[in-house]
Amino acid sequence: MPQSQFGDDVLWWRKNKYDPKEALSAIKCPVLSIFGEKDVLVPPAENQTKMENYLTKAGVDHKLITIKGCGHNMITQSK
């Protein structure tokens, strides 16, 4: 898993800039989204508000949570 937001191992993610707007705005089922506080692939600070807006637009029940100390793989990181 990538260890930093700007390392070589995360370049593919950054170059492709996938935006789930279309998919999330059209979703029809309830959503539970779990972010890892230290996720460098899908940083909560950059993505949580967008996801909230898209799911609200879709009109579905949803809950977004962030787990402290976890990365993208949901393994707690002590650093």
C-alpha atoms as a PDB file:
ATOM      1  CA  MET A   1       0.000   0.000   0.000  1.00  0.00           C
ATOM      2  CA  PRO A   2       1.237   3.517  -0.699  1.00  0.00           C
ATOM      3  CA  GLN A   3       2.963   5.118   2.251  1.00  0.00           C
ATOM      4  CA  SER A   4       2.640   8.791   1.298  1.00  0.00           C
ATOM      5  CA  GLN A   5       0.371  10.979  -0.780  1.00  0.00           C
ATOM      6  CA  PHE A   6       3.152  11.946  -3.197  1.00  0.00           C
ATOM      7  CA  GLY A   7       5.285   8.800  -3.542  1.00  0.00           C
ATOM      8  CA  ASP A   8       5.862   6.913  -6.784  1.00  0.00           C
ATOM      9  CA  ASP A   9       3.534   4.162  -5.572  1.00  0.00           C
ATOM     10  CA  VAL A  10       0.527   6.497  -5.660  1.00  0.00           C
ATOM     11  CA  LEU A  11       1.152   8.119  -9.060  1.00  0.00           C
ATOM     12  CA  TRP A  12      -1.359   5.923 -10.914  1.00  0.00           C
ATOM     13  CA  TRP A  13      -4.143   7.013  -8.573  1.00  0.00           C
ATOM     14  CA  ARG A  14      -3.263  10.691  -8.909  1.00  0.00           C
ATOM     15  CA  LYS A  15      -2.845  10.594 -12.718  1.00  0.00           C
ATOM     16  CA  ASN A  16      -6.227   8.958 -13.328  1.00  0.00           C
ATOM     17  CA  LYS A  17      -8.196  11.273 -11.012  1.00  0.00           C
ATOM     18  CA  TYR A  18     -11.289   9.063 -10.868  1.00  0.00           C
ATOM     19  CA  ASP A  19     -14.361  11.023  -9.808  1.00  0.00           C
ATOM     20  CA  PRO A  20     -17.270   8.818  -8.645  1.00  0.00           C
ATOM     21  CA  LYS A  21     -19.794  11.654  -9.083  1.00  0.00           C
ATOM     22  CA  GLU A  22     -21.858   9.929 -11.770  1.00  0.00           C
ATOM     23  CA  ALA A  23     -21.964   6.562  -9.998  1.00  0.00           C
ATOM     24  CA  LEU A  24     -22.672   7.938  -6.518  1.00  0.00           C
ATOM     25  CA  SER A  25     -25.286  10.429  -7.725  1.00  0.00           C
ATOM     26  CA  ALA A  26     -27.251   7.577  -9.313  1.00  0.00           C
ATOM     27  CA  ILE A  27     -26.983   5.021  -6.486  1.00  0.00           C
ATOM     28  CA  LYS A  28     -30.289   3.632  -5.168  1.00  0.00           C
ATOM     29  CA  CYS A  29     -29.331   1.733  -1.996  1.00  0.00           C
ATOM     30  CA  PRO A  30     -28.246   2.888   1.486  1.00  0.00           C
ATOM     31  CA  VAL A  31     -24.494   3.507   1.807  1.00  0.00           C
ATOM     32  CA  LEU A  32     -22.053   3.111   4.669  1.00  0.00           C
ATOM     33  CA  SER A  33     -18.705   4.614   3.718  1.00  0.00           C
ATOM     34  CA  ILE A  34     -15.689   4.042   5.920  1.00  0.00           C
ATOM     35  CA  PHE A  35     -12.620   6.228   5.502  1.00  0.00           C
ATOM     36  CA  GLY A  36      -9.223   5.637   7.063  1.00  0.00           C
ATOM     37  CA  GLU A  37      -7.874   8.801   8.670  1.00  0.00           C
ATOM     38  CA  LYS A  38      -4.390   8.213   7.220  1.00  0.00           C
ATOM     39  CA  ASP A  39      -5.500   6.982   3.785  1.00  0.00           C
ATOM     40  CA  VAL A  40      -3.217   8.413   1.085  1.00  0.00           C
ATOM     41  CA  LEU A  41      -5.248   6.980  -1.828  1.00  0.00           C
ATOM     42  CA  VAL A  42      -8.640   8.354  -0.785  1.00  0.00           C
ATOM     43  CA  PRO A  43      -7.848  11.048   1.802  1.00  0.00           C
ATOM     44  CA  PRO A  44     -10.954  11.851   3.880  1.00  0.00           C
ATOM     45  CA  ALA A  45     -10.206  15.596   3.876  1.00  0.00           C
ATOM     46  CA  GLU A  46     -10.436  15.648   0.057  1.00  0.00           C
ATOM     47  CA  ASN A  47     -13.225  13.139  -0.460  1.00  0.00           C
ATOM     48  CA  GLN A  48     -15.717  13.079   2.406  1.00  0.00           C
ATOM     49  CA  THR A  49     -17.545  16.301   1.481  1.00  0.00           C
ATOM     50  CA  LYS A  50     -17.775  15.298  -2.180  1.00  0.00           C
ATOM     51  CA  MET A  51     -19.192  11.899  -1.264  1.00  0.00           C
ATOM     52  CA  GLU A  52     -21.683  13.486   1.137  1.00  0.00           C
ATOM     53  CA  ASN A  53     -22.892  15.823  -1.623  1.00  0.00           C
ATOM     54  CA  TYR A  54     -23.202  13.062  -4.230  1.00  0.00           C
ATOM     55  CA  LEU A  55     -25.136  10.746  -1.898  1.00  0.00           C
ATOM     56  CA  THR A  56     -27.418  13.557  -0.761  1.00  0.00           C
ATOM     57  CA  LYS A  57     -28.148  14.327  -4.419  1.00  0.00           C
ATOM     58  CA  ALA A  58     -28.980  10.640  -4.946  1.00  0.00           C
ATOM     59  CA  GLY A  59     -31.476  10.875  -2.084  1.00  0.00           C
ATOM     60  CA  VAL A  60     -30.309   7.718  -0.305  1.00  0.00           C
ATOM     61  CA  ASP A  61     -29.719   7.085   3.377  1.00  0.00           C
ATOM     62  CA  HIS A  62     -26.010   7.234   4.048  1.00  0.00           C
ATOM     63  CA  LYS A  63     -23.448   7.450   6.798  1.00  0.00           C
ATOM     64  CA  LEU A  64     -19.802   8.388   6.413  1.00  0.00           C
ATOM     65  CA  ILE A  65     -17.325   7.618   9.160  1.00  0.00           C
ATOM     66  CA  THR A  66     -13.577   7.985   9.554  1.00  0.00           C
ATOM     67  CA  ILE A  67     -11.547   5.525  11.597  1.00  0.00           C
ATOM     68  CA  LYS A  68      -8.663   7.194  13.381  1.00  0.00           C
ATOM     69  CA  GLY A  69      -5.166   5.891  12.766  1.00  0.00           C
ATOM     70  CA  CYS A  70      -6.084   3.700   9.769  1.00  0.00           C
ATOM     71  CA  GLY A  71      -4.787   3.784   6.230  1.00  0.00           C
ATOM     72  CA  HIS A  72      -6.508   2.614   3.038  1.00  0.00           C
ATOM     73  CA  ASN A  73      -6.087  -1.012   4.090  1.00  0.00           C
ATOM     74  CA  MET A  74      -7.872  -0.327   7.424  1.00  0.00           C
ATOM     75  CA  ILE A  75      -4.879  -1.494   9.437  1.00  0.00           C
ATOM     76  CA  THR A  76      -4.280   0.794  12.396  1.00  0.00           C
ATOM     77  CA  GLN A  77      -1.058   2.736  12.064  1.00  0.00           C
ATOM     78  CA  SER A  78       0.564   3.982  15.237  1.00  0.00           C
ATOM     79  CA  LYS A  79       2.635   6.690  13.507  1.00  0.00           C
END
